[in-house]
Amino acid sequence: MDMIRHFLVALHPRDWRERYGEEFAALLEDTRLTPVAAADVAAHCVGLRVRAHLDAVLVAVAMLASVACDITAYDARLTANILWAPTSPLRALALLGTIGPWAAVIVRIRARRRSATRA
Protein backbone atom coordinates (compact mmCIF):
# COMPACT_ATOMS: atom_id res chain seq x y z
CA MET A 1 0.00 0.00 0.00
CA ASP A 2 2.92 2.37 0.62
CA MET A 3 3.91 2.05 -3.03
CA ILE A 4 0.44 3.23 -4.12
CA ARG A 5 0.59 6.21 -1.75
CA HIS A 6 4.06 7.10 -3.02
CA PHE A 7 2.79 6.83 -6.60
CA LEU A 8 -0.17 9.11 -5.83
CA VAL A 9 2.16 11.75 -4.42
CA ALA A 10 4.53 11.35 -7.39
CA LEU A 11 1.71 11.99 -9.86
CA HIS A 12 1.56 15.61 -8.78
CA PRO A 13 3.70 18.31 -10.45
CA ARG A 14 7.10 18.93 -8.90
CA ASP A 15 6.27 22.41 -7.57
CA TRP A 16 3.22 21.02 -5.81
CA ARG A 17 5.19 18.08 -4.38
CA GLU A 18 7.89 20.39 -3.06
CA ARG A 19 5.31 22.57 -1.35
CA TYR A 20 2.75 20.01 -0.15
CA GLY A 21 4.28 16.57 -0.76
CA GLU A 22 5.32 15.62 2.78
CA GLU A 23 2.09 16.86 4.31
CA PHE A 24 0.01 15.09 1.65
CA ALA A 25 1.97 11.86 2.11
CA ALA A 26 1.26 12.02 5.86
CA LEU A 27 -2.42 12.62 5.11
CA LEU A 28 -2.49 9.59 2.82
CA GLU A 29 -0.89 7.46 5.55
CA ASP A 30 -3.62 8.49 7.99
CA THR A 31 -6.43 7.96 5.48
CA ARG A 32 -8.04 4.71 4.38
CA LEU A 33 -7.16 4.48 0.71
CA THR A 34 -10.21 3.34 -1.25
CA PRO A 35 -10.46 3.13 -5.04
CA VAL A 36 -12.69 6.22 -5.00
CA ALA A 37 -10.12 8.18 -2.97
CA ALA A 38 -7.30 7.08 -5.30
CA ALA A 39 -9.38 8.11 -8.34
CA ASP A 40 -10.08 11.47 -6.70
CA VAL A 41 -6.36 12.06 -6.11
CA ALA A 42 -5.57 11.04 -9.71
CA ALA A 43 -8.25 13.43 -11.02
CA HIS A 44 -6.72 16.21 -8.90
CA CYS A 45 -3.32 15.47 -10.44
CA VAL A 46 -4.74 15.63 -13.96
CA GLY A 47 -6.39 18.95 -13.16
CA LEU A 48 -3.15 20.44 -11.85
CA ARG A 49 -1.21 19.29 -14.90
CA VAL A 50 -3.84 20.57 -17.33
CA ARG A 51 -3.84 23.97 -15.62
CA ALA A 52 -0.04 24.06 -15.74
CA HIS A 53 -0.05 23.45 -19.50
CA LEU A 54 -3.37 25.04 -20.38
CA ASP A 55 -2.18 26.77 -23.55
CA ALA A 56 -0.85 23.53 -25.02
CA VAL A 57 -4.05 21.72 -24.05
CA LEU A 58 -6.16 24.44 -25.68
CA VAL A 59 -4.15 24.24 -28.90
CA ALA A 60 -4.54 20.45 -28.96
CA VAL A 61 -8.30 20.73 -28.33
CA ALA A 62 -8.63 23.40 -31.03
CA MET A 63 -6.79 21.19 -33.47
CA LEU A 64 -8.96 18.16 -32.70
CA ALA A 65 -12.19 20.16 -32.90
CA SER A 66 -11.14 21.81 -36.14
CA VAL A 67 -10.17 18.53 -37.78
CA ALA A 68 -13.35 16.84 -36.56
CA CYS A 69 -15.52 19.61 -38.03
CA ASP A 70 -13.61 19.55 -41.28
CA ILE A 71 -13.93 15.77 -41.62
CA THR A 72 -17.63 15.97 -40.78
CA ALA A 73 -18.15 18.69 -43.40
CA TYR A 74 -16.31 16.60 -45.98
CA ASP A 75 -18.31 13.45 -45.11
CA ALA A 76 -21.58 15.41 -45.28
CA ARG A 77 -20.53 16.61 -48.74
CA LEU A 78 -20.59 20.24 -47.63
CA THR A 79 -17.12 20.72 -49.08
CA ALA A 80 -14.53 18.90 -51.12
CA ASN A 81 -11.55 20.45 -49.35
CA ILE A 82 -10.64 22.58 -46.36
CA LEU A 83 -11.10 25.86 -48.24
CA TRP A 84 -14.75 26.64 -48.83
CA ALA A 85 -17.11 29.59 -48.89
CA PRO A 86 -20.05 29.65 -46.49
CA THR A 87 -22.73 29.63 -49.23
CA SER A 88 -25.38 27.91 -47.07
CA PRO A 89 -26.20 27.90 -43.36
CA LEU A 90 -24.78 24.37 -42.95
CA ARG A 91 -21.56 25.32 -44.71
CA ALA A 92 -21.29 28.45 -42.56
CA LEU A 93 -21.79 26.37 -39.42
CA ALA A 94 -19.15 23.88 -40.55
CA LEU A 95 -16.73 26.71 -41.31
CA LEU A 96 -17.41 28.25 -37.90
CA GLY A 97 -16.74 24.88 -36.27
CA THR A 98 -13.47 24.60 -38.15
CA ILE A 99 -12.08 28.07 -37.48
CA GLY A 100 -13.94 28.90 -34.25
CA PRO A 101 -11.62 27.00 -31.90
CA TRP A 102 -8.59 28.79 -33.37
CA ALA A 103 -10.31 32.15 -32.94
CA ALA A 104 -10.94 31.29 -29.29
CA VAL A 105 -7.26 30.42 -28.77
CA ILE A 106 -6.18 33.70 -30.40
CA VAL A 107 -8.60 35.71 -28.22
CA ARG A 108 -7.26 33.98 -25.10
CA ILE A 109 -3.64 34.68 -26.05
CA ARG A 110 -4.38 38.36 -26.71
CA ALA A 111 -6.28 38.72 -23.45
CA ARG A 112 -3.38 37.19 -21.52
CA ARG A 113 -0.89 39.51 -23.22
CA ARG A 114 -3.02 42.54 -22.40
CA SER A 115 -3.31 41.50 -18.74
CA ALA A 116 0.45 40.83 -18.59
CA THR A 117 1.30 44.29 -19.91
CA ARG A 118 -1.06 45.94 -17.39
CA ALA A 119 0.43 44.10 -14.44
C-alpha atoms as a PDB file:
ATOM      1  CA  MET A   1       0.000   0.000   0.000  1.00  0.00           C
ATOM      2  CA  ASP A   2       2.920   2.367   0.616  1.00  0.00           C
ATOM      3  CA  MET A   3       3.910   2.052  -3.031  1.00  0.00           C
ATOM      4  CA  ILE A   4       0.441   3.234  -4.115  1.00  0.00           C
ATOM      5  CA  ARG A   5       0.592   6.209  -1.751  1.00  0.00           C
ATOM      6  CA  HIS A   6       4.063   7.103  -3.019  1.00  0.00           C
ATOM      7  CA  PHE A   7       2.786   6.832  -6.598  1.00  0.00           C
ATOM      8  CA  LEU A   8      -0.171   9.115  -5.831  1.00  0.00           C
ATOM      9  CA  VAL A   9       2.158  11.748  -4.421  1.00  0.00           C
ATOM     10  CA  ALA A  10       4.535  11.350  -7.390  1.00  0.00           C
ATOM     11  CA  LEU A  11       1.713  11.988  -9.862  1.00  0.00           C
ATOM     12  CA  HIS A  12       1.555  15.613  -8.780  1.00  0.00           C
ATOM     13  CA  PRO A  13       3.704  18.313 -10.450  1.00  0.00           C
ATOM     14  CA  ARG A  14       7.102  18.931  -8.898  1.00  0.00           C
ATOM     15  CA  ASP A  15       6.265  22.407  -7.565  1.00  0.00           C
ATOM     16  CA  TRP A  16       3.216  21.022  -5.807  1.00  0.00           C
ATOM     17  CA  ARG A  17       5.192  18.077  -4.383  1.00  0.00           C
ATOM     18  CA  GLU A  18       7.894  20.394  -3.062  1.00  0.00           C
ATOM     19  CA  ARG A  19       5.314  22.570  -1.346  1.00  0.00           C
ATOM     20  CA  TYR A  20       2.752  20.010  -0.148  1.00  0.00           C
ATOM     21  CA  GLY A  21       4.279  16.572  -0.758  1.00  0.00           C
ATOM     22  CA  GLU A  22       5.316  15.624   2.775  1.00  0.00           C
ATOM     23  CA  GLU A  23       2.089  16.864   4.306  1.00  0.00           C
ATOM     24  CA  PHE A  24       0.011  15.090   1.651  1.00  0.00           C
ATOM     25  CA  ALA A  25       1.973  11.857   2.114  1.00  0.00           C
ATOM     26  CA  ALA A  26       1.259  12.022   5.857  1.00  0.00           C
ATOM     27  CA  LEU A  27      -2.418  12.622   5.108  1.00  0.00           C
ATOM     28  CA  LEU A  28      -2.488   9.591   2.821  1.00  0.00           C
ATOM     29  CA  GLU A  29      -0.887   7.459   5.545  1.00  0.00           C
ATOM     30  CA  ASP A  30      -3.617   8.487   7.992  1.00  0.00           C
ATOM     31  CA  THR A  31      -6.429   7.963   5.480  1.00  0.00           C
ATOM     32  CA  ARG A  32      -8.040   4.713   4.384  1.00  0.00           C
ATOM     33  CA  LEU A  33      -7.164   4.483   0.711  1.00  0.00           C
ATOM     34  CA  THR A  34     -10.205   3.339  -1.249  1.00  0.00           C
ATOM     35  CA  PRO A  35     -10.461   3.134  -5.040  1.00  0.00           C
ATOM     36  CA  VAL A  36     -12.688   6.217  -5.002  1.00  0.00           C
ATOM     37  CA  ALA A  37     -10.120   8.178  -2.972  1.00  0.00           C
ATOM     38  CA  ALA A  38      -7.305   7.084  -5.299  1.00  0.00           C
ATOM     39  CA  ALA A  39      -9.379   8.110  -8.337  1.00  0.00           C
ATOM     40  CA  ASP A  40     -10.077  11.473  -6.696  1.00  0.00           C
ATOM     41  CA  VAL A  41      -6.362  12.060  -6.112  1.00  0.00           C
ATOM     42  CA  ALA A  42      -5.573  11.040  -9.706  1.00  0.00           C
ATOM     43  CA  ALA A  43      -8.248  13.434 -11.017  1.00  0.00           C
ATOM     44  CA  HIS A  44      -6.723  16.205  -8.904  1.00  0.00           C
ATOM     45  CA  CYS A  45      -3.316  15.472 -10.442  1.00  0.00           C
ATOM     46  CA  VAL A  46      -4.737  15.626 -13.961  1.00  0.00           C
ATOM     47  CA  GLY A  47      -6.393  18.951 -13.162  1.00  0.00           C
ATOM     48  CA  LEU A  48      -3.150  20.438 -11.854  1.00  0.00           C
ATOM     49  CA  ARG A  49      -1.211  19.286 -14.896  1.00  0.00           C
ATOM     50  CA  VAL A  50      -3.842  20.572 -17.326  1.00  0.00           C
ATOM     51  CA  ARG A  51      -3.842  23.973 -15.622  1.00  0.00           C
ATOM     52  CA  ALA A  52      -0.041  24.058 -15.741  1.00  0.00           C
ATOM     53  CA  HIS A  53      -0.048  23.446 -19.498  1.00  0.00           C
ATOM     54  CA  LEU A  54      -3.372  25.042 -20.379  1.00  0.00           C
ATOM     55  CA  ASP A  55      -2.182  26.771 -23.548  1.00  0.00           C
ATOM     56  CA  ALA A  56      -0.847  23.533 -25.020  1.00  0.00           C
ATOM     57  CA  VAL A  57      -4.047  21.721 -24.050  1.00  0.00           C
ATOM     58  CA  LEU A  58      -6.155  24.444 -25.676  1.00  0.00           C
ATOM     59  CA  VAL A  59      -4.155  24.245 -28.902  1.00  0.00           C
ATOM     60  CA  ALA A  60      -4.544  20.450 -28.959  1.00  0.00           C
ATOM     61  CA  VAL A  61      -8.296  20.735 -28.328  1.00  0.00           C
ATOM     62  CA  ALA A  62      -8.628  23.403 -31.028  1.00  0.00           C
ATOM     63  CA  MET A  63      -6.791  21.188 -33.472  1.00  0.00           C
ATOM     64  CA  LEU A  64      -8.958  18.156 -32.697  1.00  0.00           C
ATOM     65  CA  ALA A  65     -12.193  20.160 -32.903  1.00  0.00           C
ATOM     66  CA  SER A  66     -11.137  21.810 -36.140  1.00  0.00           C
ATOM     67  CA  VAL A  67     -10.166  18.528 -37.775  1.00  0.00           C
ATOM     68  CA  ALA A  68     -13.351  16.836 -36.558  1.00  0.00           C
ATOM     69  CA  CYS A  69     -15.524  19.608 -38.028  1.00  0.00           C
ATOM     70  CA  ASP A  70     -13.605  19.549 -41.282  1.00  0.00           C
ATOM     71  CA  ILE A  71     -13.934  15.767 -41.622  1.00  0.00           C
ATOM     72  CA  THR A  72     -17.629  15.973 -40.780  1.00  0.00           C
ATOM     73  CA  ALA A  73     -18.145  18.690 -43.400  1.00  0.00           C
ATOM     74  CA  TYR A  74     -16.314  16.600 -45.977  1.00  0.00           C
ATOM     75  CA  ASP A  75     -18.312  13.447 -45.111  1.00  0.00           C
ATOM     76  CA  ALA A  76     -21.576  15.410 -45.285  1.00  0.00           C
ATOM     77  CA  ARG A  77     -20.529  16.609 -48.740  1.00  0.00           C
ATOM     78  CA  LEU A  78     -20.588  20.238 -47.632  1.00  0.00           C
ATOM     79  CA  THR A  79     -17.119  20.722 -49.078  1.00  0.00           C
ATOM     80  CA  ALA A  80     -14.530  18.901 -51.124  1.00  0.00           C
ATOM     81  CA  ASN A  81     -11.546  20.453 -49.352  1.00  0.00           C
ATOM     82  CA  ILE A  82     -10.635  22.576 -46.360  1.00  0.00           C
ATOM     83  CA  LEU A  83     -11.099  25.857 -48.236  1.00  0.00           C
ATOM     84  CA  TRP A  84     -14.750  26.641 -48.830  1.00  0.00           C
ATOM     85  CA  ALA A  85     -17.110  29.587 -48.889  1.00  0.00           C
ATOM     86  CA  PRO A  86     -20.055  29.650 -46.490  1.00  0.00           C
ATOM     87  CA  THR A  87     -22.727  29.630 -49.230  1.00  0.00           C
ATOM     88  CA  SER A  88     -25.381  27.913 -47.070  1.00  0.00           C
ATOM     89  CA  PRO A  89     -26.202  27.903 -43.362  1.00  0.00           C
ATOM     90  CA  LEU A  90     -24.780  24.373 -42.949  1.00  0.00           C
ATOM     91  CA  ARG A  91     -21.560  25.318 -44.714  1.00  0.00           C
ATOM     92  CA  ALA A  92     -21.291  28.448 -42.564  1.00  0.00           C
ATOM     93  CA  LEU A  93     -21.791  26.369 -39.420  1.00  0.00           C
ATOM     94  CA  ALA A  94     -19.148  23.879 -40.553  1.00  0.00           C
ATOM     95  CA  LEU A  95     -16.733  26.710 -41.312  1.00  0.00           C
ATOM     96  CA  LEU A  96     -17.407  28.249 -37.904  1.00  0.00           C
ATOM     97  CA  GLY A  97     -16.739  24.879 -36.269  1.00  0.00           C
ATOM     98  CA  THR A  98     -13.474  24.599 -38.155  1.00  0.00           C
ATOM     99  CA  ILE A  99     -12.076  28.068 -37.478  1.00  0.00           C
ATOM    100  CA  GLY A 100     -13.941  28.903 -34.250  1.00  0.00           C
ATOM    101  CA  PRO A 101     -11.618  26.998 -31.897  1.00  0.00           C
ATOM    102  CA  TRP A 102      -8.595  28.787 -33.368  1.00  0.00           C
ATOM    103  CA  ALA A 103     -10.313  32.146 -32.942  1.00  0.00           C
ATOM    104  CA  ALA A 104     -10.938  31.286 -29.286  1.00  0.00           C
ATOM    105  CA  VAL A 105      -7.263  30.417 -28.775  1.00  0.00           C
ATOM    106  CA  ILE A 106      -6.183  33.702 -30.395  1.00  0.00           C
ATOM    107  CA  VAL A 107      -8.603  35.709 -28.221  1.00  0.00           C
ATOM    108  CA  ARG A 108      -7.259  33.977 -25.103  1.00  0.00           C
ATOM    109  CA  ILE A 109      -3.642  34.681 -26.047  1.00  0.00           C
ATOM    110  CA  ARG A 110      -4.381  38.360 -26.712  1.00  0.00           C
ATOM    111  CA  ALA A 111      -6.277  38.725 -23.449  1.00  0.00           C
ATOM    112  CA  ARG A 112      -3.380  37.185 -21.519  1.00  0.00           C
ATOM    113  CA  ARG A 113      -0.893  39.509 -23.222  1.00  0.00           C
ATOM    114  CA  ARG A 114      -3.021  42.540 -22.396  1.00  0.00           C
ATOM    115  CA  SER A 115      -3.308  41.504 -18.745  1.00  0.00           C
ATOM    116  CA  ALA A 116       0.452  40.826 -18.588  1.00  0.00           C
ATOM    117  CA  THR A 117       1.300  44.289 -19.907  1.00  0.00           C
ATOM    118  CA  ARG A 118      -1.060  45.938 -17.395  1.00  0.00           C
ATOM    119  CA  ALA A 119       0.426  44.097 -14.438  1.00  0.00           C
END
